[in-house]
Each structure stands twice: as C-alpha cells, then as structure tokens.
Amino acid sequence: MHVIVGGCGRLGAEIATRFSTEGEDVVVLDVEETAFDRLGTRFNGETLVGSVTDRDVLEQGGIATADGLLAVTRFDNANLMAVEIATHIYGVDRAVARLFNPQREASYRKLGVRYVSGTALLAKQFVNEFRQGTFRLHLAFEYGDVEVVEMTVGPIGQRVRVMDFEAVGRLRVGAIQRGDRVFLPRSEDTLEEGDLVVAAVGRGSYQRIEPLLDLRSREGHPNGGA
C-alpha cells in the first residue's frame, strides 16, 4: 500500500513510522527539511520537502497511484485542501484530514471530508479517565454516549451467558479474551471469571453490570484505569 503523510510533526512522524514498520510504502511531506529528524531509525520510507497542497510535490510523492493520504499539518485549511485535491483530482479512495478547530466539524461533514478531531477525542478520553466507575477505553465516538471499553469478569459473572450479560448491561459484546485466546462469542456462550470482555456500552451500563465484574483489575493499569 502506498501512503502519503502530509506534515512531519510528532503526529505525522508517528503515523509514518507505524506504516513503515508495517511494511507499507510511505512518503512523508513537510515544508521544513529539519522536520524529518523526528522520523526514527525504524522509518525506511521516503521524504519530500514541500507543501501537502502543492500538486507538483504530491505528484512527486506518487499521489496518482496512492492508496491513501493523511494530511496532519498544523493548519486546518491546508489539511482540508490536501484531502480535497487527493479525493477530487486524483481519485484517492482514503484521504483523512486532521482537524484542530471543532467548530468546523459540521462543515467538514457536509463536504464529505473524512477527518479526525483531536480536540473532541482527547476531551472524551480525559472525561473517561476522570470519571469514576468506568473502564479502560478503546474508542470514544465524537457524538453520543456510546463507548467501546474493556472489562474483566469477576466471580459472580462466572457462567453468565453472553446474551444475559448484554441484557443486564444493555450493551453489546464484541470480543472476549480468555487466556491467550481471543474470540467472537455467540449469544449462548458463557463467561468465565477472568475473561476480558470488549463491549460497546452506553450511559448507565456500568452501574448495572458492576456486580458481575472484577473492578480490582483496573488498579495499577498504565493508563490509570479508565
């Protein structure tokens, strides 16, 4: 997969390095050559000095055959323009813009621009970490009260069927880790003490299912135990 990353700040460098270590073909663009110093020794892609909104630079980076573009500069306008160029001029299927100003989200959605709003996601995660009685967060949606979290089954939850667990908590179980095994459960499967359950939960779910869980498993978690 050929991926172009526009902007080599801390975020851009991290994204580029991750793609590179996964074996993808990565080209990183930045207007400052010194920005590429942020790329570690694990990065084995290409770098180009220039703007992510410059078509000549994009073409040097292989935009015509790119599978995706991630515009993560410090400027919302540049990120939006880069995604628009990639999508509408070069037909890139996957183009994502970084968004700093959450007030522009409605405009981005109307334009059909795929984006990531760091402000909204960080706010959700901070609230989740602070709020008492919740669990380690996997995904916080920008809108609504649904989150994807993980929780550990306690002694009382032993032999409770997945369908009953979902009914009590008004949640949806997506996966279970049991020892070294991770699987997609069937509704009639039963839980075992120590199971790590990943589920989509809504407001109020935590209080209903707390008796079935091992809440001590959150203590000492490197993220502070969400």
Foldseek 3Di string as FASTA:
>chain_A
DEEEEEALALVSLVVQLVCQLVPYAYEYEEQDPCSCVNRDPSHDHYYDHDGLLDVVRCVVSPLLPHQEYEYEHPDQVSQVNSQCCSCVVRNRPYYEGEDADPVCVVVCVVVVHHYDHPVQFVVVVVCQLPDPQHFAFDDDDSDAFKTKGKFFFAPVQFFAFQLVLCVQLVKAWQWKDDPPDIDGDDRRDGDHGGIITIIIHGPPSRVRCVVGGDQCVQPPPPSNGD
